[in-house]
Protein backbone atom coordinates (compact mmCIF):
# COMPACT_ATOMS: atom_id res chain seq x y z
CA UNK A 1 88.08 30.12 161.91
CA UNK A 2 91.53 31.46 161.13
CA UNK A 3 94.06 29.39 159.17
CA UNK A 4 97.44 29.16 160.98
CA UNK A 5 100.61 28.37 159.07
CA UNK A 6 100.62 24.80 160.36
CA UNK A 7 97.37 24.16 158.47
CA UNK A 8 95.43 23.89 161.69
CA UNK A 9 92.48 25.96 162.83
CA UNK A 10 91.13 26.97 166.20
CA UNK A 11 88.35 24.71 167.47
CA UNK A 12 85.36 26.98 167.93
CA UNK A 13 84.30 27.47 171.54
CA UNK A 14 87.27 25.63 173.06
CA UNK A 15 88.70 28.66 174.89
CA UNK A 16 89.23 28.03 178.60
CA UNK A 17 91.08 29.49 181.58
CA UNK A 18 92.39 27.74 184.69
CA UNK A 19 89.98 27.34 187.60
CA UNK A 20 89.84 30.61 189.53
CA UNK A 21 92.32 30.48 192.41
CA UNK A 22 94.08 27.34 191.18
CA UNK A 23 97.88 27.17 191.05
CA UNK A 24 100.02 25.47 188.37
CA UNK A 25 102.31 22.91 189.97
CA UNK A 26 104.08 21.47 186.94
CA UNK A 27 103.56 19.93 183.53
CA UNK A 28 101.40 16.86 183.09
CA UNK A 29 103.57 13.76 182.75
CA UNK A 30 104.18 13.29 179.01
CA UNK A 31 103.82 9.49 179.23
CA UNK A 32 100.53 9.52 181.16
CA UNK A 33 97.83 7.83 179.07
CA UNK A 34 94.50 9.60 178.80
CA UNK A 35 91.33 9.27 176.77
CA UNK A 36 89.34 12.04 175.09
CA UNK A 37 85.86 12.18 173.60
CA UNK A 38 85.68 13.76 170.15
CA UNK A 39 82.20 14.90 169.12
CA UNK A 40 81.40 14.87 165.42
CA UNK A 41 78.89 16.68 163.25
CA UNK A 42 75.59 14.88 162.49
CA UNK A 43 75.15 13.09 159.19
CA UNK A 44 72.13 15.33 158.67
CA UNK A 45 70.81 17.97 161.05
CA UNK A 46 67.47 17.59 162.79
CA UNK A 47 65.22 19.67 160.57
CA UNK A 48 62.44 22.06 161.64
CA UNK A 49 60.00 19.49 160.23
CA UNK A 50 61.33 16.80 162.57
CA UNK A 51 61.25 19.24 165.48
CA UNK A 52 57.64 20.11 164.64
CA UNK A 53 56.65 16.43 164.76
CA UNK A 54 58.49 15.62 167.98
CA UNK A 55 58.34 18.83 170.03
CA UNK A 56 55.13 20.70 169.15
CA UNK A 57 52.94 22.06 171.97
CA UNK A 58 49.98 19.82 171.18
CA UNK A 59 49.05 16.69 173.14
CA UNK A 60 52.00 14.28 173.43
CA UNK A 61 49.83 11.51 171.99
CA UNK A 62 49.90 13.39 168.68
CA UNK A 63 53.69 13.61 168.56
CA UNK A 64 55.71 11.40 166.24
CA UNK A 65 58.96 10.70 168.07
CA UNK A 66 62.00 9.21 166.41
CA UNK A 67 63.20 5.87 167.69
CA UNK A 68 66.73 5.77 169.01
CA UNK A 69 67.63 3.64 166.01
CA UNK A 70 66.19 6.27 163.64
CA UNK A 71 68.05 9.04 165.44
CA UNK A 72 71.32 7.16 165.04
CA UNK A 73 70.73 6.24 161.40
CA UNK A 74 69.51 9.64 160.23
CA UNK A 75 71.27 12.10 162.53
CA UNK A 76 74.28 10.26 163.91
CA UNK A 77 77.87 10.63 162.72
CA UNK A 78 78.83 9.16 159.36
CA UNK A 79 81.30 6.28 159.12
CA UNK A 80 83.34 8.39 156.68
CA UNK A 81 83.80 11.11 159.33
CA UNK A 82 84.77 8.51 161.91
CA UNK A 83 87.34 7.07 159.49
CA UNK A 84 88.80 10.53 158.85
CA UNK A 85 89.20 11.18 162.59
CA UNK A 86 90.77 7.76 163.06
CA UNK A 87 93.32 8.53 160.33
CA UNK A 88 94.14 11.82 162.07
CA UNK A 89 94.54 9.96 165.36
CA UNK A 90 96.90 7.36 163.91
CA UNK A 91 99.04 10.09 162.36
CA UNK A 92 99.56 11.53 165.85
CA UNK A 93 100.21 8.25 167.66
CA UNK A 94 96.69 8.02 169.09
CA UNK A 95 94.39 5.00 169.07
CA UNK A 96 90.68 4.90 168.38
CA UNK A 97 89.36 3.11 171.46
CA UNK A 98 85.67 3.15 170.57
CA UNK A 99 83.22 4.87 168.22
CA UNK A 100 79.46 5.39 168.28
CA UNK A 101 77.64 6.76 165.25
CA UNK A 102 74.49 7.37 167.29
CA UNK A 103 76.25 9.28 170.06
CA UNK A 104 78.30 11.14 167.41
CA UNK A 105 81.41 10.39 169.42
CA UNK A 106 84.77 8.70 169.07
CA UNK A 107 87.06 8.01 172.00
CA UNK A 108 90.77 8.46 171.35
CA UNK A 109 93.47 7.08 173.64
CA UNK A 110 97.11 8.11 173.87
CA UNK A 111 99.81 9.80 175.89
CA UNK A 112 99.72 13.36 177.16
CA UNK A 113 102.55 14.22 174.76
CA UNK A 114 100.64 12.82 171.78
CA UNK A 115 97.46 14.65 172.77
CA UNK A 116 99.36 17.93 173.14
CA UNK A 117 100.76 17.52 169.63
CA UNK A 118 97.44 16.47 168.10
CA UNK A 119 95.37 19.29 169.56
CA UNK A 120 97.95 22.07 169.94
CA UNK A 121 97.70 22.40 173.71
CA UNK A 122 99.98 22.35 176.74
CA UNK A 123 98.67 20.30 179.66
CA UNK A 124 99.62 21.14 183.23
CA UNK A 125 98.78 19.92 186.70
CA UNK A 126 96.96 22.47 188.86
CA UNK A 127 96.23 22.60 192.57
CA UNK A 128 92.63 23.54 193.34
CA UNK A 129 92.04 26.25 195.95
CA UNK A 130 89.98 23.91 198.12
CA UNK A 131 92.40 21.00 197.82
CA UNK A 132 92.95 18.36 195.19
CA UNK A 133 94.46 18.65 191.73
CA UNK A 134 93.39 18.49 188.12
CA UNK A 135 94.99 18.23 184.70
CA UNK A 136 94.21 21.35 182.74
CA UNK A 137 94.92 23.65 179.86
CA UNK A 138 94.39 27.32 178.98
CA UNK A 139 93.54 28.99 175.71
CA UNK A 140 92.09 27.20 172.69
CA UNK A 141 92.53 23.84 170.98
CA UNK A 142 93.58 23.35 167.39
CA UNK A 143 92.39 20.75 164.89
CA UNK A 144 93.42 20.02 161.27
CA UNK A 145 91.85 22.40 158.79
CA UNK A 146 90.43 19.49 156.79
CA UNK A 147 88.48 18.36 159.90
CA UNK A 148 87.19 21.82 160.77
CA UNK A 149 83.69 20.93 159.58
CA UNK A 150 83.81 17.44 161.12
CA UNK A 151 84.96 17.89 164.74
CA UNK A 152 82.59 19.98 166.86
CA UNK A 153 84.06 19.34 170.31
CA UNK A 154 86.92 17.65 172.16
CA UNK A 155 86.53 16.74 175.84
CA UNK A 156 88.85 15.08 178.35
CA UNK A 157 92.14 16.90 177.92
CA UNK A 158 91.10 19.00 180.93
CA UNK A 159 89.63 16.98 183.80
CA UNK A 160 88.72 19.72 186.28
CA UNK A 161 85.55 19.10 188.33
CA UNK A 162 82.64 19.98 186.08
CA UNK A 163 79.70 20.41 188.44
CA UNK A 164 78.51 20.29 192.00
CA UNK A 165 75.49 18.53 193.46
CA UNK A 166 72.65 20.87 194.32
CA UNK A 167 71.33 19.44 197.58
CA UNK A 168 71.27 21.34 200.87
CA UNK A 169 71.31 20.21 204.47
CA UNK A 170 70.47 22.01 207.70
CA UNK A 171 73.00 20.56 210.15
CA UNK A 172 76.47 21.99 210.76
CA UNK A 173 79.48 20.64 212.60
CA UNK A 174 81.41 22.43 215.38
CA UNK A 175 83.37 24.40 212.78
CA UNK A 176 80.21 25.60 211.09
CA UNK A 177 80.59 23.38 208.04
CA UNK A 178 77.46 21.82 206.54
CA UNK A 179 77.02 18.24 207.70
CA UNK A 180 74.22 15.72 207.79
CA UNK A 181 72.23 16.00 211.00
CA UNK A 182 70.63 12.68 211.93
CA UNK A 183 66.92 12.98 212.48
CA UNK A 184 65.92 11.96 215.98
CA UNK A 185 62.37 11.53 214.87
CA UNK A 186 61.75 13.55 211.74
CA UNK A 187 60.62 17.14 212.41
CA UNK A 188 56.98 17.86 211.62
CA UNK A 189 58.07 20.42 209.02
CA UNK A 190 59.71 17.69 206.88
CA UNK A 191 58.02 15.31 204.47
CA UNK A 192 58.33 11.98 202.75
CA UNK A 193 58.32 12.24 198.94
CA UNK A 194 54.81 10.72 198.71
CA UNK A 195 53.58 13.42 201.10
CA UNK A 196 55.12 16.10 198.87
CA UNK A 197 53.49 14.47 195.84
CA UNK A 198 50.14 14.61 197.64
CA UNK A 199 50.62 18.28 198.53
CA UNK A 200 51.05 19.03 194.82
CA UNK A 201 48.11 16.79 193.83
CA UNK A 202 50.12 14.36 191.73
CA UNK A 203 47.61 12.12 189.93
CA UNK A 204 46.66 9.21 192.18
CA UNK A 205 46.46 5.54 191.27
CA UNK A 206 49.67 5.75 189.21
CA UNK A 207 53.16 4.55 190.06
CA UNK A 208 55.17 4.87 186.84
CA UNK A 209 54.76 1.25 185.81
CA UNK A 210 56.25 0.60 182.40
CA UNK A 211 58.56 3.62 182.50
CA UNK A 212 62.34 3.78 182.79
CA UNK A 213 63.62 6.76 184.75
CA UNK A 214 67.30 7.66 184.36
CA UNK A 215 69.30 9.46 187.05
CA UNK A 216 72.73 10.94 186.35
CA UNK A 217 75.36 10.99 189.11
CA UNK A 218 78.92 12.38 189.08
CA UNK A 219 80.24 10.78 192.24
CA UNK A 220 79.33 8.83 195.34
CA UNK A 221 77.05 5.85 195.37
CA UNK A 222 74.26 4.00 197.13
CA UNK A 223 73.98 0.98 199.40
CA UNK A 224 71.08 -1.30 198.37
CA UNK A 225 70.40 -2.14 202.00
CA UNK A 226 69.86 1.56 202.78
CA UNK A 227 67.34 1.81 199.98
CA UNK A 228 65.53 -1.34 201.12
CA UNK A 229 65.31 0.03 204.66
CA UNK A 230 64.11 3.43 203.45
CA UNK A 231 61.34 2.27 201.14
CA UNK A 232 60.14 -0.23 203.72
CA UNK A 233 60.00 2.50 206.37
CA UNK A 234 57.85 4.83 204.26
CA UNK A 235 55.60 1.97 203.12
CA UNK A 236 56.49 2.11 199.42
CA UNK A 237 57.47 -0.94 197.35
CA UNK A 238 61.14 -0.60 196.45
CA UNK A 239 61.65 0.17 192.74
CA UNK A 240 63.89 -1.86 190.48
CA UNK A 241 67.27 -0.13 190.43
CA UNK A 242 70.30 -0.84 188.29
CA UNK A 243 73.53 1.01 187.59
CA UNK A 244 75.19 1.85 184.27
CA UNK A 245 78.88 2.73 184.56
CA UNK A 246 80.34 5.37 182.23
CA UNK A 247 84.01 6.17 181.56
CA UNK A 248 85.27 3.94 184.35
CA UNK A 249 83.08 5.35 187.11
CA UNK A 250 81.49 3.01 189.65
CA UNK A 251 78.76 2.98 192.26
CA UNK A 252 81.14 3.89 195.09
CA UNK A 253 79.58 5.10 198.34
CA UNK A 254 82.08 7.27 200.21
CA UNK A 255 80.53 6.66 203.63
CA UNK A 256 80.14 10.44 204.07
CA UNK A 257 76.44 11.33 203.97
CA UNK A 258 77.34 15.02 203.58
CA UNK A 259 79.17 14.29 200.33
CA UNK A 260 77.93 13.07 196.94
CA UNK A 261 76.27 10.04 198.59
CA UNK A 262 73.67 12.50 199.84
CA UNK A 263 72.85 13.49 196.27
CA UNK A 264 72.64 9.91 195.04
CA UNK A 265 70.35 8.86 197.89
CA UNK A 266 68.12 11.92 197.53
CA UNK A 267 67.66 11.40 193.80
CA UNK A 268 66.89 7.70 193.97
CA UNK A 269 64.66 7.91 197.03
CA UNK A 270 62.59 10.85 195.82
CA UNK A 271 62.08 9.51 192.30
CA UNK A 272 61.60 5.94 193.52
CA UNK A 273 59.08 6.89 196.20
CA UNK A 274 56.98 8.94 193.77
CA UNK A 275 57.17 6.37 190.96
CA UNK A 276 57.97 3.01 192.58
CA UNK A 277 56.66 1.10 189.58
CA UNK A 278 59.26 2.61 187.26
CA UNK A 279 62.61 1.02 186.58
CA UNK A 280 65.34 3.36 187.80
CA UNK A 281 68.71 3.34 186.04
CA UNK A 282 71.54 5.32 187.64
CA UNK A 283 74.28 6.43 185.23
CA UNK A 284 77.51 6.93 187.15
CA UNK A 285 80.22 9.03 185.47
CA UNK A 286 83.35 10.94 186.54
CA UNK A 287 82.80 14.55 187.58
CA UNK A 288 84.38 16.03 184.45
CA UNK A 289 82.86 17.70 181.41
CA UNK A 290 83.78 14.59 179.42
CA UNK A 291 82.15 12.25 181.94
CA UNK A 292 79.05 14.42 182.25
CA UNK A 293 78.53 14.60 178.47
CA UNK A 294 79.26 10.92 177.95
CA UNK A 295 76.68 9.99 180.59
CA UNK A 296 74.03 12.15 178.93
CA UNK A 297 74.63 10.66 175.48
CA UNK A 298 74.75 7.16 176.98
CA UNK A 299 71.31 7.63 178.57
CA UNK A 300 69.76 9.32 175.54
CA UNK A 301 70.99 6.60 173.15
CA UNK A 302 70.57 3.63 175.52
CA UNK A 303 68.78 1.01 173.40
CA UNK A 304 68.77 -1.51 176.26
CA UNK A 305 67.06 0.44 179.05
CA UNK A 306 65.39 3.11 176.86
CA UNK A 307 64.68 5.70 179.57
CA UNK A 308 61.84 8.15 178.95
CA UNK A 309 62.94 10.59 181.68
CA UNK A 310 66.39 11.85 182.70
CA UNK A 311 66.91 13.56 186.07
CA UNK A 312 70.03 15.70 186.63
CA UNK A 313 70.79 17.40 189.95
CA UNK A 314 74.33 18.59 189.13
CA UNK A 315 75.39 21.86 187.58
CA UNK A 316 77.56 24.94 187.65
CA UNK A 317 77.29 28.56 186.55
CA UNK A 318 77.41 29.19 182.81
CA UNK A 319 80.59 31.20 183.34
CA UNK A 320 82.40 27.99 184.31
CA UNK A 321 81.72 26.22 180.99
CA UNK A 322 83.29 26.47 177.57
CA UNK A 323 81.06 27.41 174.67
CA UNK A 324 81.74 24.05 172.97
CA UNK A 325 80.60 22.18 176.09
CA UNK A 326 77.32 24.09 176.37
CA UNK A 327 76.68 23.67 172.64
CA UNK A 328 77.25 19.91 172.71
CA UNK A 329 75.23 19.34 175.90
CA UNK A 330 72.42 21.37 174.35
CA UNK A 331 72.53 19.28 171.17
CA UNK A 332 72.39 16.10 173.25
CA UNK A 333 69.30 17.43 175.04
CA UNK A 334 67.71 18.30 171.70
CA UNK A 335 68.34 14.69 170.64
CA UNK A 336 66.64 13.58 173.87
CA UNK A 337 63.57 15.61 172.92
CA UNK A 338 63.49 14.02 169.47
CA UNK A 339 63.16 10.53 170.97
CA UNK A 340 60.62 11.57 173.61
CA UNK A 341 62.89 11.86 176.66
CA UNK A 342 62.04 14.56 179.22
CA UNK A 343 65.13 16.04 180.89
CA UNK A 344 64.65 17.54 184.39
CA UNK A 345 67.53 19.65 185.75
CA UNK A 346 67.88 21.43 189.09
CA UNK A 347 68.39 25.20 188.79
CA UNK A 348 71.05 25.42 191.51
CA UNK A 349 71.16 26.30 195.19
CA UNK A 350 73.30 29.45 195.25
CA UNK A 351 70.65 32.03 194.39
CA UNK A 352 71.11 34.49 191.55
CA UNK A 353 74.86 34.55 192.22
CA UNK A 354 75.29 30.99 190.93
CA UNK A 355 78.12 30.47 193.43
CA UNK A 356 80.54 32.58 191.38
CA UNK A 357 80.98 35.39 193.89
CA UNK A 358 81.92 38.15 191.44
CA UNK A 359 79.01 40.45 192.21
CA UNK A 360 77.23 39.49 188.99
CA UNK A 361 74.12 37.40 188.40
CA UNK A 362 74.64 33.92 186.93
CA UNK A 363 72.40 31.01 185.98
CA UNK A 364 73.41 27.38 186.27
CA UNK A 365 74.04 25.13 183.31
CA UNK A 366 72.73 22.65 182.17
CA UNK A 367 69.53 24.11 183.66
CA UNK A 368 69.78 27.00 181.19
CA UNK A 369 69.57 24.74 178.13
CA UNK A 370 66.27 25.52 176.38
CA UNK A 371 65.70 21.76 175.86
CA UNK A 372 65.47 20.91 179.58
CA UNK A 373 62.90 21.48 182.29
CA UNK A 374 64.67 23.77 184.78
CA UNK A 375 63.50 23.12 188.34
CA UNK A 376 63.56 25.88 190.96
CA UNK A 377 62.74 25.86 194.66
CA UNK A 378 60.24 27.13 197.21
CA UNK A 379 59.66 27.00 200.95
CA UNK A 380 56.29 25.72 202.14
CA UNK A 381 54.14 25.95 205.22
CA UNK A 382 51.60 23.16 205.66
CA UNK A 383 48.57 22.82 207.90
CA UNK A 384 46.05 20.03 207.89
CA UNK A 385 47.71 18.31 204.97
CA UNK A 386 47.52 21.36 202.70
CA UNK A 387 49.93 24.12 201.73
CA UNK A 388 48.90 27.37 203.41
CA UNK A 389 51.88 29.46 202.36
CA UNK A 390 54.60 29.08 199.74
CA UNK A 391 57.40 31.53 198.96
CA UNK A 392 60.72 31.60 197.14
CA UNK A 393 63.30 29.44 198.90
CA UNK A 394 66.05 31.73 200.20
CA UNK A 395 67.81 30.96 203.48
CA UNK A 396 70.20 33.89 203.14
CA UNK A 397 73.80 34.29 201.90
CA UNK A 398 75.79 31.09 202.18
CA UNK A 399 72.82 29.05 203.37
CA UNK A 400 71.16 28.33 200.05
CA UNK A 401 68.58 29.84 197.74
CA UNK A 402 66.95 28.76 194.51
CA UNK A 403 68.95 29.42 191.38
CA UNK A 404 67.40 31.43 188.59
CA UNK A 405 67.97 34.30 186.21
CA UNK A 406 68.75 35.06 182.59
CA UNK A 407 71.09 33.02 180.39
CA UNK A 408 73.98 34.70 178.62
CA UNK A 409 74.43 31.67 176.34
CA UNK A 410 70.95 30.89 175.01
CA UNK A 411 68.37 33.27 173.54
CA UNK A 412 64.76 33.38 174.73
CA UNK A 413 63.14 30.18 173.41
CA UNK A 414 59.90 30.42 171.47
CA UNK A 415 57.85 28.82 174.27
CA UNK A 416 58.77 31.75 176.55
CA UNK A 417 57.64 34.34 174.00
CA UNK A 418 54.88 36.47 175.46
CA UNK A 419 55.98 35.86 179.05
CA UNK A 420 57.58 38.68 181.08
CA UNK A 421 61.18 37.45 180.86
CA UNK A 422 63.09 40.40 182.34
CA UNK A 423 66.44 41.70 181.17
CA UNK A 424 69.46 40.41 183.04
CA UNK A 425 70.14 42.06 186.40
CA UNK A 426 73.73 42.63 185.29
CA UNK A 427 74.88 46.04 184.02
CA UNK A 428 73.68 46.57 180.48
CA UNK A 429 70.81 44.14 180.90
CA UNK A 430 70.60 41.65 178.08
CA UNK A 431 67.98 39.10 177.13
CA UNK A 432 68.12 35.33 177.19
CA UNK A 433 66.50 32.08 178.23
CA UNK A 434 64.73 32.53 181.54
CA UNK A 435 65.47 30.06 184.35
CA UNK A 436 63.71 28.18 185.97
CA UNK A 437 60.56 26.82 184.32
CA UNK A 438 58.78 25.42 187.39
CA UNK A 439 59.36 25.06 191.13
CA UNK A 440 58.52 22.94 194.15
CA UNK A 441 59.57 22.60 197.78
CA UNK A 442 63.37 22.80 198.12
CA UNK A 443 63.95 24.38 201.53
CA UNK A 444 65.89 21.95 203.77
CA UNK A 445 63.93 23.40 206.70
CA UNK A 446 60.80 21.99 205.06
CA UNK A 447 62.70 19.25 203.29
CA UNK A 448 62.61 15.62 202.28
CA UNK A 449 63.10 12.70 204.64
CA UNK A 450 65.85 10.45 203.25
CA UNK A 451 68.27 7.75 204.33
CA UNK A 452 71.93 7.98 203.32
CA UNK A 453 74.92 5.93 204.52
CA UNK A 454 72.84 4.42 207.30
CA UNK A 455 71.64 7.81 208.54
CA UNK A 456 68.07 9.06 208.50
CA UNK A 457 68.02 12.81 207.88
CA UNK A 458 66.27 15.68 206.11
CA UNK A 459 67.65 17.14 202.87
CA UNK A 460 66.53 19.94 200.57
CA UNK A 461 67.75 21.88 197.58
CA UNK A 462 66.59 22.10 193.99
CA UNK A 463 68.27 18.69 193.71
CA UNK A 464 65.07 17.31 195.17
CA UNK A 465 62.79 19.07 192.66
CA UNK A 466 64.34 17.44 189.57
CA UNK A 467 63.70 13.83 190.71
CA UNK A 468 60.33 14.87 192.15
CA UNK A 469 59.24 16.06 188.72
CA UNK A 470 60.87 13.05 187.10
CA UNK A 471 58.60 10.89 189.24
CA UNK A 472 55.57 12.98 188.26
CA UNK A 473 56.45 12.61 184.58
CA UNK A 474 56.73 8.83 184.99
CA UNK A 475 53.13 8.89 186.28
CA UNK A 476 52.04 11.13 183.39
CA UNK A 477 53.66 8.84 180.83
CA UNK A 478 52.01 5.80 182.38
CA UNK A 479 48.57 7.41 182.27
CA UNK A 480 48.90 8.79 178.73
CA UNK A 481 50.43 5.62 177.33
CA UNK A 482 53.14 7.65 175.59
CA UNK A 483 56.08 9.75 176.81
CA UNK A 484 55.31 13.43 177.25
CA UNK A 485 58.79 14.18 175.89
CA UNK A 486 59.73 17.84 175.53
CA UNK A 487 57.30 19.23 178.10
CA UNK A 488 58.15 22.94 178.11
CA UNK A 489 55.89 24.01 175.20
CA UNK A 490 52.98 22.22 176.90
CA UNK A 491 53.65 23.84 180.27
CA UNK A 492 53.95 27.37 178.88
CA UNK A 493 50.97 26.69 176.58
CA UNK A 494 47.93 24.57 177.50
CA UNK A 495 48.90 23.82 181.10
CA UNK A 496 49.46 27.48 181.94
CA UNK A 497 46.33 28.56 180.10
CA UNK A 498 44.28 25.92 181.91
CA UNK A 499 45.35 27.14 185.35
CA UNK A 500 47.62 24.22 186.25
CA UNK A 501 50.09 26.53 188.03
CA UNK A 502 49.91 28.47 191.25
CA UNK A 503 52.10 31.56 191.00
CA UNK A 504 54.69 32.32 193.69
CA UNK A 505 54.64 36.06 194.31
CA UNK A 506 56.66 36.48 197.51
CA UNK A 507 60.41 36.35 198.06
CA UNK A 508 63.60 36.68 196.05
CA UNK A 509 66.78 34.79 195.20
CA UNK A 510 69.06 37.81 195.40
CA UNK A 511 68.95 39.82 192.19
CA UNK A 512 65.47 38.67 191.13
CA UNK A 513 62.11 38.82 192.89
CA UNK A 514 58.98 36.72 192.70
CA UNK A 515 55.97 38.00 190.83
CA UNK A 516 52.96 36.98 188.76
CA UNK A 517 52.96 35.04 185.49
CA UNK A 518 56.68 34.07 185.34
CA UNK A 519 59.65 35.06 187.47
CA UNK A 520 63.35 34.25 187.65
CA UNK A 521 62.99 32.51 191.02
CA UNK A 522 60.17 30.01 190.53
CA UNK A 523 59.33 30.22 186.82
CA UNK A 524 55.65 29.60 186.11
CA UNK A 525 55.18 28.61 189.75
CA UNK A 526 54.20 25.33 191.39
CA UNK A 527 52.01 22.88 189.55
CA UNK A 528 48.94 20.85 190.35
CA UNK A 529 49.95 17.46 188.96
CA UNK A 530 46.43 16.31 188.18
CA UNK A 531 45.71 19.51 186.25
CA UNK A 532 48.96 19.00 184.31
CA UNK A 533 47.73 15.55 183.30
CA UNK A 534 44.37 16.95 182.22
CA UNK A 535 46.09 19.62 180.10
CA UNK A 536 48.17 16.96 178.34
CA UNK A 537 45.23 14.78 177.34
CA UNK A 538 43.90 15.10 173.78
CA UNK A 539 40.87 17.34 173.51
CA UNK A 540 37.64 15.37 173.05
CA UNK A 541 36.28 15.50 169.51
CA UNK A 542 34.41 18.71 168.95
CA UNK A 543 35.60 20.32 172.17
């Protein structure tokens, strides 16, 4: 960090540019009151020894997870650091609204003018190319030099949309725009979530009882009567569902099934149908980087609901994120692993392009975090209740394809060592974390029967794969009597060695093609759920 004359330093990783195609329309009102989340360093870092106890590739029953209380006490922020940030805030006319040692966060409130002075930024209003506005900044942030080792991220000054839902629909309106097409009798090529679970041999006789499954949503909402109707229609007991509201967000159905309501319904109905015995908690947050991060840390550190699985079906290409955001999300996911929470994230629905449109290959974040299970997509053909053909999901340009590729942010994790992770398809190649890890049906043409805003329809996308696997993990946890936690080392280790995956060797997502062992379209392939459970059980003595 350089030391400017004003005794401030640049906050590492805070560099940002306006949204591509946006237009500045004037300064943010200086008297507007806003709130930011300031992330702080941990009291002590999670050591390799702790990681070895909580994330090793052996049977989950042998892991020694931290409790959430231990995580907060040993690896949360210190009260002294919180006090130092509060003193800085007061000196700039800001107020400490709330602080959480466990979440390593303080929330500061104040005017736009005070925030600009405190963090050395200029805030403007921008018009987005597709309509709507956001408050944004360009360049870097500054923080006091004496807090350079304390503050590791500041979020909320810029409130641009952070992510998009990753569900896909088949229907289109008269102008060719995607829209929900009501199902006049579901097509034979579509499936209920329990039928999908049966196709992938999810272990029977389990329903997730005793587990809490968290779902993160950045918009929209659900109508309880829709859910009651849906679960009754497919003959599944309705799960217990509750909402947790983050940063002022609410469960607010828009009435448009083609909008974020479609994502909310898909997530709840898929996870709830596969694991109806689990308690489902939906964390609603604003669609900003601040809201997204706050929802993750809320779920990970939730000592009331204590979820053991977190399903996320929102994301955006790595190129759209600041380095500080990806670093802090990744640290939050590492904390999740330490307390035994499995995080499932959809890999995106825009193929290897990641929706950027610059001719380069991009992977979605947070799917590219090495501490999450990245979920890709396939297209299936079924006959007689069995899969007879399965290929990479790719409906062509603009129509959806599974995300996947090579991260430019994260190096190849140790669990992918020895697998044929290719160089990036971009000029110059480059190595990095390979995405996705696993795959399952995501093609809307062979999609999931859902009900949203009073409409019965069929939806696909890798959005469906994350809650599908979240439901499977709830069953696994129930059977094993302990959370499986950070599952990736087990999947790339014992489960792969024991033949729990069927490789997908046909198709492509644009820049990358399917192939044996591991590929940047479907990862290790599609899993047999019962074989996954067998691979996770402790070996019998002497075996």
